[in-house]
Amino acid sequence: MLGYAITSMETETYRPARLILLGEEASSQLRRSTSLDALVTQASPPFFGWHTAEDPYVPPEHTYRLAAALTASGVPHAVHVFTHGPHGLGLAQGAGEAEIWTTLAAAWIREQASPPTSS
């Protein structure tokens, strides 16, 4: 379960975190090897992700990139990007539409934990 997560060190969209974590001279190989979206395989666990479109620090592009990688590998996932809200909402209580993320996450977890029904 990831909320407004930095998932790629390859993009310039959140350069400050990349510089802090990897340094100014990080090679493209290091950047790729530390990008979650580049590490997804069919064996990756299911993911639940949420973000806000207004996040000024970590653009929702990170969540979209991870979702695309999960889709390409056939990994079960749910992604919700809410229109409004800053970075760091936590449980988002009283934060408008984003406050429903915990309800959505709980439903998704229940769904993942339920054995598939046979028809």
PDB file of N, CA and C in Angstrom:
ATOM      1  N   MET A   1       0.844  -1.150   0.000  1.00  0.00           N
ATOM      2  CA  MET A   1       0.000   0.000   0.000  1.00  0.00           C
ATOM      3  C   MET A   1       0.902   1.229   0.000  1.00  0.00           C
ATOM      4  N   LEU A   2       0.732   2.072  -1.013  1.00  0.00           N
ATOM      5  CA  LEU A   2       1.580   3.252  -1.155  1.00  0.00           C
ATOM      6  C   LEU A   2       0.720   4.497  -1.337  1.00  0.00           C
ATOM      7  N   GLY A   3       1.043   5.525  -0.598  1.00  0.00           N
ATOM      8  CA  GLY A   3       0.362   6.805  -0.749  1.00  0.00           C
ATOM      9  C   GLY A   3       1.347   7.870  -1.183  1.00  0.00           C
ATOM     10  N   TYR A   4       1.020   8.555  -2.250  1.00  0.00           N
ATOM     11  CA  TYR A   4       1.840   9.604  -2.860  1.00  0.00           C
ATOM     12  C   TYR A   4       3.323   9.249  -2.862  1.00  0.00           C
ATOM     13  N   ALA A   5       3.614   8.047  -3.340  1.00  0.00           N
ATOM     14  CA  ALA A   5       4.977   7.500  -3.277  1.00  0.00           C
ATOM     15  C   ALA A   5       5.854   7.913  -4.460  1.00  0.00           C
ATOM     16  N   ILE A   6       7.112   8.083  -4.165  1.00  0.00           N
ATOM     17  CA  ILE A   6       8.123   8.252  -5.208  1.00  0.00           C
ATOM     18  C   ILE A   6       8.450   6.841  -5.699  1.00  0.00           C
ATOM     19  N   THR A   7       8.132   6.541  -6.946  1.00  0.00           N
ATOM     20  CA  THR A   7       8.336   5.193  -7.457  1.00  0.00           C
ATOM     21  C   THR A   7       9.393   5.129  -8.557  1.00  0.00           C
ATOM     22  N   SER A   8       9.890   6.277  -8.989  1.00  0.00           N
ATOM     23  CA  SER A   8      10.875   6.277 -10.064  1.00  0.00           C
ATOM     24  C   SER A   8      11.990   7.274  -9.787  1.00  0.00           C
ATOM     25  N   MET A   9      13.206   6.795  -9.926  1.00  0.00           N
ATOM     26  CA  MET A   9      14.375   7.666  -9.831  1.00  0.00           C
ATOM     27  C   MET A   9      14.842   8.073 -11.226  1.00  0.00           C
ATOM     28  N   GLU A  10      14.135   7.601 -12.241  1.00  0.00           N
ATOM     29  CA  GLU A  10      14.503   7.914 -13.621  1.00  0.00           C
ATOM     30  C   GLU A  10      13.897   9.218 -14.113  1.00  0.00           C
ATOM     31  N   THR A  11      12.858   9.660 -13.486  1.00  0.00           N
ATOM     32  CA  THR A  11      12.175  10.866 -13.928  1.00  0.00           C
ATOM     33  C   THR A  11      12.721  12.096 -13.209  1.00  0.00           C
ATOM     34  N   GLU A  12      12.634  13.199 -13.839  1.00  0.00           N
ATOM     35  CA  GLU A  12      13.070  14.463 -13.232  1.00  0.00           C
ATOM     36  C   GLU A  12      11.960  15.091 -12.395  1.00  0.00           C
ATOM     37  N   THR A  13      10.818  14.423 -12.315  1.00  0.00           N
ATOM     38  CA  THR A  13       9.676  15.042 -11.661  1.00  0.00           C
ATOM     39  C   THR A  13       9.870  15.275 -10.170  1.00  0.00           C
ATOM     40  N   TYR A  14      10.734  14.524  -9.539  1.00  0.00           N
ATOM     41  CA  TYR A  14      11.031  14.816  -8.137  1.00  0.00           C
ATOM     42  C   TYR A  14      12.528  14.675  -7.895  1.00  0.00           C
ATOM     43  N   ARG A  15      13.255  15.553  -8.534  1.00  0.00           N
ATOM     44  CA  ARG A  15      14.715  15.549  -8.509  1.00  0.00           C
ATOM     45  C   ARG A  15      15.305  15.665  -7.104  1.00  0.00           C
ATOM     46  N   PRO A  16      14.722  16.462  -6.178  1.00  0.00           N
ATOM     47  CA  PRO A  16      15.335  16.578  -4.851  1.00  0.00           C
ATOM     48  C   PRO A  16      15.503  15.229  -4.139  1.00  0.00           C
ATOM     49  N   ALA A  17      14.508  14.358  -4.205  1.00  0.00           N
ATOM     50  CA  ALA A  17      14.625  13.052  -3.535  1.00  0.00           C
ATOM     51  C   ALA A  17      15.716  12.222  -4.195  1.00  0.00           C
ATOM     52  N   ARG A  18      15.770  12.259  -5.502  1.00  0.00           N
ATOM     53  CA  ARG A  18      16.802  11.490  -6.212  1.00  0.00           C
ATOM     54  C   ARG A  18      18.187  11.978  -5.801  1.00  0.00           C
ATOM     55  N   LEU A  19      18.373  13.276  -5.711  1.00  0.00           N
ATOM     56  CA  LEU A  19      19.683  13.824  -5.330  1.00  0.00           C
ATOM     57  C   LEU A  19      20.048  13.441  -3.898  1.00  0.00           C
ATOM     58  N   ILE A  20      19.079  13.495  -2.990  1.00  0.00           N
ATOM     59  CA  ILE A  20      19.334  13.139  -1.594  1.00  0.00           C
ATOM     60  C   ILE A  20      19.676  11.661  -1.478  1.00  0.00           C
ATOM     61  N   LEU A  21      18.925  10.815  -2.158  1.00  0.00           N
ATOM     62  CA  LEU A  21      19.107   9.370  -2.023  1.00  0.00           C
ATOM     63  C   LEU A  21      20.261   8.804  -2.846  1.00  0.00           C
ATOM     64  N   LEU A  22      20.464   9.335  -4.042  1.00  0.00           N
ATOM     65  CA  LEU A  22      21.446   8.742  -4.952  1.00  0.00           C
ATOM     66  C   LEU A  22      22.636   9.632  -5.269  1.00  0.00           C
ATOM     67  N   GLY A  23      22.528  10.919  -4.990  1.00  0.00           N
ATOM     68  CA  GLY A  23      23.618  11.837  -5.275  1.00  0.00           C
ATOM     69  C   GLY A  23      23.531  12.457  -6.656  1.00  0.00           C
ATOM     70  N   GLU A  24      24.321  13.485  -6.856  1.00  0.00           N
ATOM     71  CA  GLU A  24      24.318  14.265  -8.090  1.00  0.00           C
ATOM     72  C   GLU A  24      24.777  13.454  -9.301  1.00  0.00           C
ATOM     73  N   GLU A  25      25.703  12.549  -9.093  1.00  0.00           N
ATOM     74  CA  GLU A  25      26.310  11.817 -10.205  1.00  0.00           C
ATOM     75  C   GLU A  25      25.740  10.414 -10.403  1.00  0.00           C
ATOM     76  N   ALA A  26      24.516  10.175  -9.984  1.00  0.00           N
ATOM     77  CA  ALA A  26      23.911   8.839 -10.117  1.00  0.00           C
ATOM     78  C   ALA A  26      23.828   8.445 -11.587  1.00  0.00           C
ATOM     79  N   SER A  27      24.340   7.266 -11.876  1.00  0.00           N
ATOM     80  CA  SER A  27      24.301   6.776 -13.254  1.00  0.00           C
ATOM     81  C   SER A  27      22.873   6.382 -13.633  1.00  0.00           C
ATOM     82  N   SER A  28      22.625   6.292 -14.919  1.00  0.00           N
ATOM     83  CA  SER A  28      21.296   5.871 -15.374  1.00  0.00           C
ATOM     84  C   SER A  28      21.023   4.445 -14.910  1.00  0.00           C
ATOM     85  N   GLN A  29      22.067   3.615 -14.829  1.00  0.00           N
ATOM     86  CA  GLN A  29      21.896   2.241 -14.350  1.00  0.00           C
ATOM     87  C   GLN A  29      21.465   2.234 -12.879  1.00  0.00           C
ATOM     88  N   LEU A  30      22.090   3.067 -12.044  1.00  0.00           N
ATOM     89  CA  LEU A  30      21.708   3.155 -10.631  1.00  0.00           C
ATOM     90  C   LEU A  30      20.287   3.691 -10.505  1.00  0.00           C
ATOM     91  N   ARG A  31      19.975   4.712 -11.279  1.00  0.00           N
ATOM     92  CA  ARG A  31      18.627   5.287 -11.227  1.00  0.00           C
ATOM     93  C   ARG A  31      17.581   4.245 -11.581  1.00  0.00           C
ATOM     94  N   ARG A  32      17.843   3.454 -12.622  1.00  0.00           N
ATOM     95  CA  ARG A  32      16.886   2.419 -13.034  1.00  0.00           C
ATOM     96  C   ARG A  32      16.787   1.314 -11.985  1.00  0.00           C
ATOM     97  N   SER A  33      17.924   0.912 -11.418  1.00  0.00           N
ATOM     98  CA  SER A  33      17.918  -0.196 -10.459  1.00  0.00           C
ATOM     99  C   SER A  33      17.276   0.168  -9.125  1.00  0.00           C
ATOM    100  N   THR A  34      17.013   1.446  -8.911  1.00  0.00           N
ATOM    101  CA  THR A  34      16.350   1.894  -7.685  1.00  0.00           C
ATOM    102  C   THR A  34      14.954   2.468  -7.962  1.00  0.00           C
ATOM    103  N   SER A  35      14.422   2.182  -9.118  1.00  0.00           N
ATOM    104  CA  SER A  35      13.082   2.643  -9.497  1.00  0.00           C
ATOM    105  C   SER A  35      12.106   1.483  -9.383  1.00  0.00           C
ATOM    106  N   LEU A  36      11.146   1.615  -8.481  1.00  0.00           N
ATOM    107  CA  LEU A  36      10.183   0.548  -8.256  1.00  0.00           C
ATOM    108  C   LEU A  36       9.452   0.166  -9.535  1.00  0.00           C
ATOM    109  N   ASP A  37       9.096   1.143 -10.340  1.00  0.00           N
ATOM    110  CA  ASP A  37       8.360   0.830 -11.568  1.00  0.00           C
ATOM    111  C   ASP A  37       9.190  -0.014 -12.537  1.00  0.00           C
ATOM    112  N   ALA A  38      10.501   0.047 -12.438  1.00  0.00           N
ATOM    113  CA  ALA A  38      11.369  -0.756 -13.309  1.00  0.00           C
ATOM    114  C   ALA A  38      11.646  -2.145 -12.729  1.00  0.00           C
ATOM    115  N   LEU A  39      11.265  -2.372 -11.477  1.00  0.00           N
ATOM    116  CA  LEU A  39      11.555  -3.628 -10.802  1.00  0.00           C
ATOM    117  C   LEU A  39      10.354  -4.564 -10.736  1.00  0.00           C
ATOM    118  N   VAL A  40       9.217  -4.139 -11.248  1.00  0.00           N
ATOM    119  CA  VAL A  40       8.004  -4.959 -11.206  1.00  0.00           C
ATOM    120  C   VAL A  40       8.175  -6.187 -12.096  1.00  0.00           C
ATOM    121  N   THR A  41       7.780  -7.339 -11.564  1.00  0.00           N
ATOM    122  CA  THR A  41       7.752  -8.592 -12.325  1.00  0.00           C
ATOM    123  C   THR A  41       6.417  -9.277 -12.063  1.00  0.00           C
ATOM    124  N   GLN A  42       6.181 -10.381 -12.730  1.00  0.00           N
ATOM    125  CA  GLN A  42       4.958 -11.144 -12.497  1.00  0.00           C
ATOM    126  C   GLN A  42       4.896 -11.666 -11.057  1.00  0.00           C
ATOM    127  N   ALA A  43       6.032 -11.761 -10.405  1.00  0.00           N
ATOM    128  CA  ALA A  43       6.093 -12.247  -9.024  1.00  0.00           C
ATOM    129  C   ALA A  43       5.895 -11.136  -7.990  1.00  0.00           C
ATOM    130  N   SER A  44       5.720  -9.899  -8.438  1.00  0.00           N
ATOM    131  CA  SER A  44       5.521  -8.783  -7.510  1.00  0.00           C
ATOM    132  C   SER A  44       4.200  -8.956  -6.765  1.00  0.00           C
ATOM    133  N   PRO A  45       4.144  -8.473  -5.525  1.00  0.00           N
ATOM    134  CA  PRO A  45       2.902  -8.604  -4.766  1.00  0.00           C
ATOM    135  C   PRO A  45       1.849  -7.619  -5.284  1.00  0.00           C
ATOM    136  N   PRO A  46       0.592  -7.864  -4.951  1.00  0.00           N
ATOM    137  CA  PRO A  46      -0.454  -6.905  -5.303  1.00  0.00           C
ATOM    138  C   PRO A  46      -0.170  -5.541  -4.647  1.00  0.00           C
ATOM    139  N   PHE A  47      -0.591  -4.487  -5.311  1.00  0.00           N
ATOM    140  CA  PHE A  47      -0.367  -3.124  -4.821  1.00  0.00           C
ATOM    141  C   PHE A  47      -1.667  -2.349  -4.756  1.00  0.00           C
ATOM    142  N   PHE A  48      -1.757  -1.490  -3.760  1.00  0.00           N
ATOM    143  CA  PHE A  48      -2.813  -0.489  -3.680  1.00  0.00           C
ATOM    144  C   PHE A  48      -2.088   0.845  -3.610  1.00  0.00           C
ATOM    145  N   GLY A  49      -2.438   1.771  -4.485  1.00  0.00           N
ATOM    146  CA  GLY A  49      -1.785   3.078  -4.487  1.00  0.00           C
ATOM    147  C   GLY A  49      -2.794   4.197  -4.549  1.00  0.00           C
ATOM    148  N   TRP A  50      -2.456   5.286  -3.904  1.00  0.00           N
ATOM    149  CA  TRP A  50      -3.304   6.475  -4.006  1.00  0.00           C
ATOM    150  C   TRP A  50      -2.431   7.713  -4.034  1.00  0.00           C
ATOM    151  N   HIS A  51      -2.981   8.760  -4.600  1.00  0.00           N
ATOM    152  CA  HIS A  51      -2.231   9.994  -4.827  1.00  0.00           C
ATOM    153  C   HIS A  51      -3.243  11.134  -4.957  1.00  0.00           C
ATOM    154  N   THR A  52      -2.762  12.350  -4.953  1.00  0.00           N
ATOM    155  CA  THR A  52      -3.623  13.477  -5.303  1.00  0.00           C
ATOM    156  C   THR A  52      -3.007  14.191  -6.509  1.00  0.00           C
ATOM    157  N   ALA A  53      -3.869  14.647  -7.378  1.00  0.00           N
ATOM    158  CA  ALA A  53      -3.399  15.317  -8.594  1.00  0.00           C
ATOM    159  C   ALA A  53      -2.711  16.642  -8.277  1.00  0.00           C
ATOM    160  N   GLU A  54      -3.022  17.226  -7.132  1.00  0.00           N
ATOM    161  CA  GLU A  54      -2.440  18.523  -6.758  1.00  0.00           C
ATOM    162  C   GLU A  54      -1.142  18.412  -5.957  1.00  0.00           C
ATOM    163  N   ASP A  55      -0.669  17.222  -5.706  1.00  0.00           N
ATOM    164  CA  ASP A  55       0.538  17.038  -4.896  1.00  0.00           C
ATOM    165  C   ASP A  55       1.675  17.871  -5.479  1.00  0.00           C
ATOM    166  N   PRO A  56       2.152  18.887  -4.749  1.00  0.00           N
ATOM    167  CA  PRO A  56       3.204  19.752  -5.292  1.00  0.00           C
ATOM    168  C   PRO A  56       4.603  19.150  -5.201  1.00  0.00           C
ATOM    169  N   TYR A  57       4.771  18.090  -4.430  1.00  0.00           N
ATOM    170  CA  TYR A  57       6.095  17.517  -4.227  1.00  0.00           C
ATOM    171  C   TYR A  57       6.354  16.262  -5.057  1.00  0.00           C
ATOM    172  N   VAL A  58       5.388  15.372  -5.091  1.00  0.00           N
ATOM    173  CA  VAL A  58       5.526  14.130  -5.850  1.00  0.00           C
ATOM    174  C   VAL A  58       4.372  14.066  -6.848  1.00  0.00           C
ATOM    175  N   PRO A  59       4.639  14.344  -8.094  1.00  0.00           N
ATOM    176  CA  PRO A  59       3.575  14.341  -9.096  1.00  0.00           C
ATOM    177  C   PRO A  59       2.935  12.956  -9.235  1.00  0.00           C
ATOM    178  N   PRO A  60       1.650  12.904  -9.567  1.00  0.00           N
ATOM    179  CA  PRO A  60       0.974  11.613  -9.720  1.00  0.00           C
ATOM    180  C   PRO A  60       1.567  10.746 -10.826  1.00  0.00           C
ATOM    181  N   GLU A  61       2.427  11.313 -11.649  1.00  0.00           N
ATOM    182  CA  GLU A  61       3.120  10.532 -12.675  1.00  0.00           C
ATOM    183  C   GLU A  61       3.781   9.294 -12.068  1.00  0.00           C
ATOM    184  N   HIS A  62       4.270   9.413 -10.838  1.00  0.00           N
ATOM    185  CA  HIS A  62       4.909   8.276 -10.179  1.00  0.00           C
ATOM    186  C   HIS A  62       3.916   7.123  -9.998  1.00  0.00           C
ATOM    187  N   THR A  63       2.732   7.429  -9.558  1.00  0.00           N
ATOM    188  CA  THR A  63       1.710   6.403  -9.374  1.00  0.00           C
ATOM    189  C   THR A  63       1.275   5.834 -10.720  1.00  0.00           C
ATOM    190  N   TYR A  64       1.139   6.692 -11.715  1.00  0.00           N
ATOM    191  CA  TYR A  64       0.755   6.214 -13.054  1.00  0.00           C
ATOM    192  C   TYR A  64       1.817   5.279 -13.634  1.00  0.00           C
ATOM    193  N   ARG A  65       3.077   5.620 -13.461  1.00  0.00           N
ATOM    194  CA  ARG A  65       4.162   4.769 -13.985  1.00  0.00           C
ATOM    195  C   ARG A  65       4.150   3.403 -13.314  1.00  0.00           C
ATOM    196  N   LEU A  66       3.952   3.380 -12.000  1.00  0.00           N
ATOM    197  CA  LEU A  66       3.898   2.112 -11.293  1.00  0.00           C
ATOM    198  C   LEU A  66       2.691   1.301 -11.763  1.00  0.00           C
ATOM    199  N   ALA A  67       1.541   1.941 -11.897  1.00  0.00           N
ATOM    200  CA  ALA A  67       0.339   1.239 -12.355  1.00  0.00           C
ATOM    201  C   ALA A  67       0.549   0.640 -13.745  1.00  0.00           C
ATOM    202  N   ALA A  68       1.204   1.362 -14.628  1.00  0.00           N
ATOM    203  CA  ALA A  68       1.473   0.845 -15.977  1.00  0.00           C
ATOM    204  C   ALA A  68       2.381  -0.380 -15.912  1.00  0.00           C
ATOM    205  N   ALA A  69       3.390  -0.347 -15.049  1.00  0.00           N
ATOM    206  CA  ALA A  69       4.296  -1.488 -14.911  1.00  0.00           C
ATOM    207  C   ALA A  69       3.571  -2.698 -14.315  1.00  0.00           C
ATOM    208  N   LEU A  70       2.723  -2.449 -13.335  1.00  0.00           N
ATOM    209  CA  LEU A  70       1.947  -3.533 -12.733  1.00  0.00           C
ATOM    210  C   LEU A  70       1.006  -4.156 -13.759  1.00  0.00           C
ATOM    211  N   THR A  71       0.357  -3.322 -14.551  1.00  0.00           N
ATOM    212  CA  THR A  71      -0.544  -3.808 -15.594  1.00  0.00           C
ATOM    213  C   THR A  71       0.214  -4.660 -16.597  1.00  0.00           C
ATOM    214  N   ALA A  72       1.360  -4.168 -17.045  1.00  0.00           N
ATOM    215  CA  ALA A  72       2.163  -4.889 -18.038  1.00  0.00           C
ATOM    216  C   ALA A  72       2.609  -6.260 -17.538  1.00  0.00           C
ATOM    217  N   SER A  73       2.790  -6.387 -16.219  1.00  0.00           N
ATOM    218  CA  SER A  73       3.231  -7.663 -15.646  1.00  0.00           C
ATOM    219  C   SER A  73       2.073  -8.504 -15.109  1.00  0.00           C
ATOM    220  N   GLY A  74       0.854  -8.008 -15.252  1.00  0.00           N
ATOM    221  CA  GLY A  74      -0.302  -8.768 -14.794  1.00  0.00           C
ATOM    222  C   GLY A  74      -0.427  -8.852 -13.283  1.00  0.00           C
ATOM    223  N   VAL A  75       0.088  -7.858 -12.576  1.00  0.00           N
ATOM    224  CA  VAL A  75       0.039  -7.846 -11.112  1.00  0.00           C
ATOM    225  C   VAL A  75      -1.259  -7.168 -10.663  1.00  0.00           C
ATOM    226  N   PRO A  76      -2.027  -7.820  -9.790  1.00  0.00           N
ATOM    227  CA  PRO A  76      -3.250  -7.190  -9.292  1.00  0.00           C
ATOM    228  C   PRO A  76      -2.927  -5.880  -8.575  1.00  0.00           C
ATOM    229  N   HIS A  77      -3.721  -4.869  -8.863  1.00  0.00           N
ATOM    230  CA  HIS A  77      -3.495  -3.576  -8.220  1.00  0.00           C
ATOM    231  C   HIS A  77      -4.739  -2.699  -8.321  1.00  0.00           C
ATOM    232  N   ALA A  78      -4.777  -1.696  -7.468  1.00  0.00           N
ATOM    233  CA  ALA A  78      -5.789  -0.652  -7.523  1.00  0.00           C
ATOM    234  C   ALA A  78      -5.064   0.671  -7.348  1.00  0.00           C
ATOM    235  N   VAL A  79      -5.467   1.660  -8.119  1.00  0.00           N
ATOM    236  CA  VAL A  79      -4.856   2.985  -8.047  1.00  0.00           C
ATOM    237  C   VAL A  79      -5.975   4.022  -8.024  1.00  0.00           C
ATOM    238  N   HIS A  80      -5.848   4.962  -7.113  1.00  0.00           N
ATOM    239  CA  HIS A  80      -6.828   6.046  -7.011  1.00  0.00           C
ATOM    240  C   HIS A  80      -6.065   7.367  -6.967  1.00  0.00           C
ATOM    241  N   VAL A  81      -6.393   8.259  -7.880  1.00  0.00           N
ATOM    242  CA  VAL A  81      -5.799   9.594  -7.887  1.00  0.00           C
ATOM    243  C   VAL A  81      -6.943  10.575  -7.674  1.00  0.00           C
ATOM    244  N   PHE A  82      -6.899  11.256  -6.549  1.00  0.00           N
ATOM    245  CA  PHE A  82      -7.946  12.198  -6.185  1.00  0.00           C
ATOM    246  C   PHE A  82      -7.587  13.589  -6.695  1.00  0.00           C
ATOM    247  N   THR A  83      -8.578  14.335  -7.090  1.00  0.00           N
ATOM    248  CA  THR A  83      -8.374  15.647  -7.697  1.00  0.00           C
ATOM    249  C   THR A  83      -7.670  16.621  -6.754  1.00  0.00           C
ATOM    250  N   HIS A  84      -8.121  16.682  -5.508  1.00  0.00           N
ATOM    251  CA  HIS A  84      -7.626  17.708  -4.593  1.00  0.00           C
ATOM    252  C   HIS A  84      -6.879  17.107  -3.408  1.00  0.00           C
ATOM    253  N   GLY A  85      -5.930  17.868  -2.910  1.00  0.00           N
ATOM    254  CA  GLY A  85      -5.218  17.498  -1.699  1.00  0.00           C
ATOM    255  C   GLY A  85      -3.720  17.661  -1.858  1.00  0.00           C
ATOM    256  N   PRO A  86      -3.067  18.146  -0.803  1.00  0.00           N
ATOM    257  CA  PRO A  86      -1.616  18.321  -0.825  1.00  0.00           C
ATOM    258  C   PRO A  86      -0.902  17.011  -0.512  1.00  0.00           C
ATOM    259  N   HIS A  87       0.395  17.048  -0.546  1.00  0.00           N
ATOM    260  CA  HIS A  87       1.233  15.909  -0.156  1.00  0.00           C
ATOM    261  C   HIS A  87       1.150  15.750   1.359  1.00  0.00           C
ATOM    262  N   GLY A  88       1.191  14.530   1.841  1.00  0.00           N
ATOM    263  CA  GLY A  88       1.269  14.288   3.274  1.00  0.00           C
ATOM    264  C   GLY A  88      -0.069  14.255   3.986  1.00  0.00           C
ATOM    265  N   LEU A  89      -1.124  13.811   3.335  1.00  0.00           N
ATOM    266  CA  LEU A  89      -2.444  13.786   3.958  1.00  0.00           C
ATOM    267  C   LEU A  89      -2.609  12.698   5.010  1.00  0.00           C
ATOM    268  N   GLY A  90      -1.780  11.696   4.994  1.00  0.00           N
ATOM    269  CA  GLY A  90      -1.935  10.602   5.956  1.00  0.00           C
ATOM    270  C   GLY A  90      -3.278   9.918   5.768  1.00  0.00           C
ATOM    271  N   LEU A  91      -4.065   9.822   6.820  1.00  0.00           N
ATOM    272  CA  LEU A  91      -5.381   9.193   6.727  1.00  0.00           C
ATOM    273  C   LEU A  91      -6.395  10.090   6.023  1.00  0.00           C
ATOM    274  N   ALA A  92      -6.044  11.321   5.780  1.00  0.00           N
ATOM    275  CA  ALA A  92      -6.852  12.282   5.012  1.00  0.00           C
ATOM    276  C   ALA A  92      -8.204  12.584   5.640  1.00  0.00           C
ATOM    277  N   GLN A  93      -8.324  12.448   6.939  1.00  0.00           N
ATOM    278  CA  GLN A  93      -9.588  12.754   7.608  1.00  0.00           C
ATOM    279  C   GLN A  93      -9.916  14.229   7.442  1.00  0.00           C
ATOM    280  N   GLY A  94     -11.127  14.500   6.933  1.00  0.00           N
ATOM    281  CA  GLY A  94     -11.564  15.866   6.707  1.00  0.00           C
ATOM    282  C   GLY A  94     -10.941  16.510   5.486  1.00  0.00           C
ATOM    283  N   ALA A  95     -10.350  15.716   4.591  1.00  0.00           N
ATOM    284  CA  ALA A  95      -9.646  16.249   3.420  1.00  0.00           C
ATOM    285  C   ALA A  95     -10.449  16.090   2.132  1.00  0.00           C
ATOM    286  N   GLY A  96     -11.758  16.126   2.239  1.00  0.00           N
ATOM    287  CA  GLY A  96     -12.589  16.034   1.038  1.00  0.00           C
ATOM    288  C   GLY A  96     -12.594  14.634   0.459  1.00  0.00           C
ATOM    289  N   GLU A  97     -12.631  14.568  -0.865  1.00  0.00           N
ATOM    290  CA  GLU A  97     -12.771  13.273  -1.544  1.00  0.00           C
ATOM    291  C   GLU A  97     -11.646  12.295  -1.206  1.00  0.00           C
ATOM    292  N   ALA A  98     -10.469  12.780  -0.914  1.00  0.00           N
ATOM    293  CA  ALA A  98      -9.335  11.894  -0.630  1.00  0.00           C
ATOM    294  C   ALA A  98      -9.519  11.092   0.652  1.00  0.00           C
ATOM    295  N   GLU A  99     -10.391  11.541   1.558  1.00  0.00           N
ATOM    296  CA  GLU A  99     -10.540  10.823   2.818  1.00  0.00           C
ATOM    297  C   GLU A  99     -11.137   9.426   2.631  1.00  0.00           C
ATOM    298  N   ILE A 100     -11.670   9.140   1.479  1.00  0.00           N
ATOM    299  CA  ILE A 100     -12.236   7.815   1.228  1.00  0.00           C
ATOM    300  C   ILE A 100     -11.161   6.768   0.909  1.00  0.00           C
ATOM    301  N   TRP A 101      -9.914   7.173   0.785  1.00  0.00           N
ATOM    302  CA  TRP A 101      -8.888   6.214   0.388  1.00  0.00           C
ATOM    303  C   TRP A 101      -8.789   5.045   1.372  1.00  0.00           C
ATOM    304  N   THR A 102      -8.990   5.286   2.668  1.00  0.00           N
ATOM    305  CA  THR A 102      -8.888   4.189   3.636  1.00  0.00           C
ATOM    306  C   THR A 102     -10.030   3.186   3.466  1.00  0.00           C
ATOM    307  N   THR A 103     -11.212   3.665   3.139  1.00  0.00           N
ATOM    308  CA  THR A 103     -12.352   2.782   2.876  1.00  0.00           C
ATOM    309  C   THR A 103     -12.084   1.950   1.629  1.00  0.00           C
ATOM    310  N   LEU A 104     -11.578   2.607   0.586  1.00  0.00           N
ATOM    311  CA  LEU A 104     -11.243   1.893  -0.650  1.00  0.00           C
ATOM    312  C   LEU A 104     -10.147   0.852  -0.399  1.00  0.00           C
ATOM    313  N   ALA A 105      -9.155   1.218   0.389  1.00  0.00           N
ATOM    314  CA  ALA A 105      -8.059   0.293   0.690  1.00  0.00           C
ATOM    315  C   ALA A 105      -8.562  -0.913   1.477  1.00  0.00           C
ATOM    316  N   ALA A 106      -9.418  -0.679   2.463  1.00  0.00           N
ATOM    317  CA  ALA A 106      -9.944  -1.792   3.262  1.00  0.00           C
ATOM    318  C   ALA A 106     -10.750  -2.750   2.389  1.00  0.00           C
ATOM    319  N   ALA A 107     -11.561  -2.214   1.496  1.00  0.00           N
ATOM    320  CA  ALA A 107     -12.341  -3.063   0.585  1.00  0.00           C
ATOM    321  C   ALA A 107     -11.422  -3.855  -0.331  1.00  0.00           C
ATOM    322  N   TRP A 108     -10.378  -3.219  -0.818  1.00  0.00           N
ATOM    323  CA  TRP A 108      -9.430  -3.888  -1.714  1.00  0.00           C
ATOM    324  C   TRP A 108      -8.691  -5.011  -0.984  1.00  0.00           C
ATOM    325  N   ILE A 109      -8.288  -4.764   0.255  1.00  0.00           N
ATOM    326  CA  ILE A 109      -7.598  -5.784   1.043  1.00  0.00           C
ATOM    327  C   ILE A 109      -8.518  -6.980   1.275  1.00  0.00           C
ATOM    328  N   ARG A 110      -9.763  -6.710   1.620  1.00  0.00           N
ATOM    329  CA  ARG A 110     -10.726  -7.805   1.805  1.00  0.00           C
ATOM    330  C   ARG A 110     -10.869  -8.626   0.522  1.00  0.00           C
ATOM    331  N   GLU A 111     -10.934  -7.930  -0.601  1.00  0.00           N
ATOM    332  CA  GLU A 111     -11.056  -8.609  -1.890  1.00  0.00           C
ATOM    333  C   GLU A 111      -9.830  -9.478  -2.171  1.00  0.00           C
ATOM    334  N   GLN A 112      -8.644  -8.966  -1.883  1.00  0.00           N
ATOM    335  CA  GLN A 112      -7.416  -9.719  -2.120  1.00  0.00           C
ATOM    336  C   GLN A 112      -7.330 -10.937  -1.209  1.00  0.00           C
ATOM    337  N   ALA A 113      -7.870 -10.816   0.016  1.00  0.00           N
ATOM    338  CA  ALA A 113      -7.794 -11.894   0.994  1.00  0.00           C
ATOM    339  C   ALA A 113      -8.846 -12.976   0.763  1.00  0.00           C
ATOM    340  N   SER A 114      -9.869 -12.673  -0.002  1.00  0.00           N
ATOM    341  CA  SER A 114     -10.938 -13.641  -0.254  1.00  0.00           C
ATOM    342  C   SER A 114     -10.517 -14.630  -1.310  1.00  0.00           C
ATOM    343  N   PRO A 115     -10.777 -15.909  -1.052  1.00  0.00           N
ATOM    344  CA  PRO A 115     -10.461 -16.891  -2.100  1.00  0.00           C
ATOM    345  C   PRO A 115     -11.370 -16.682  -3.307  1.00  0.00           C
ATOM    346  N   PRO A 116     -10.849 -16.906  -4.498  1.00  0.00           N
ATOM    347  CA  PRO A 116     -11.680 -16.732  -5.698  1.00  0.00           C
ATOM    348  C   PRO A 116     -12.853 -17.712  -5.686  1.00  0.00           C
ATOM    349  N   THR A 117     -13.992 -17.250  -6.133  1.00  0.00           N
ATOM    350  CA  THR A 117     -15.158 -18.124  -6.203  1.00  0.00           C
ATOM    351  C   THR A 117     -15.188 -18.814  -7.550  1.00  0.00           C
ATOM    352  N   SER A 118     -15.547 -20.066  -7.541  1.00  0.00           N
ATOM    353  CA  SER A 118     -15.637 -20.795  -8.823  1.00  0.00           C
ATOM    354  C   SER A 118     -17.057 -20.709  -9.344  1.00  0.00           C
ATOM    355  N   SER A 119     -17.173 -20.613 -10.643  1.00  0.00           N
ATOM    356  CA  SER A 119     -18.490 -20.464 -11.259  1.00  0.00           C
ATOM    357  C   SER A 119     -18.998 -21.773 -11.772  1.00  0.00           C
TER     358      SER A 119
END
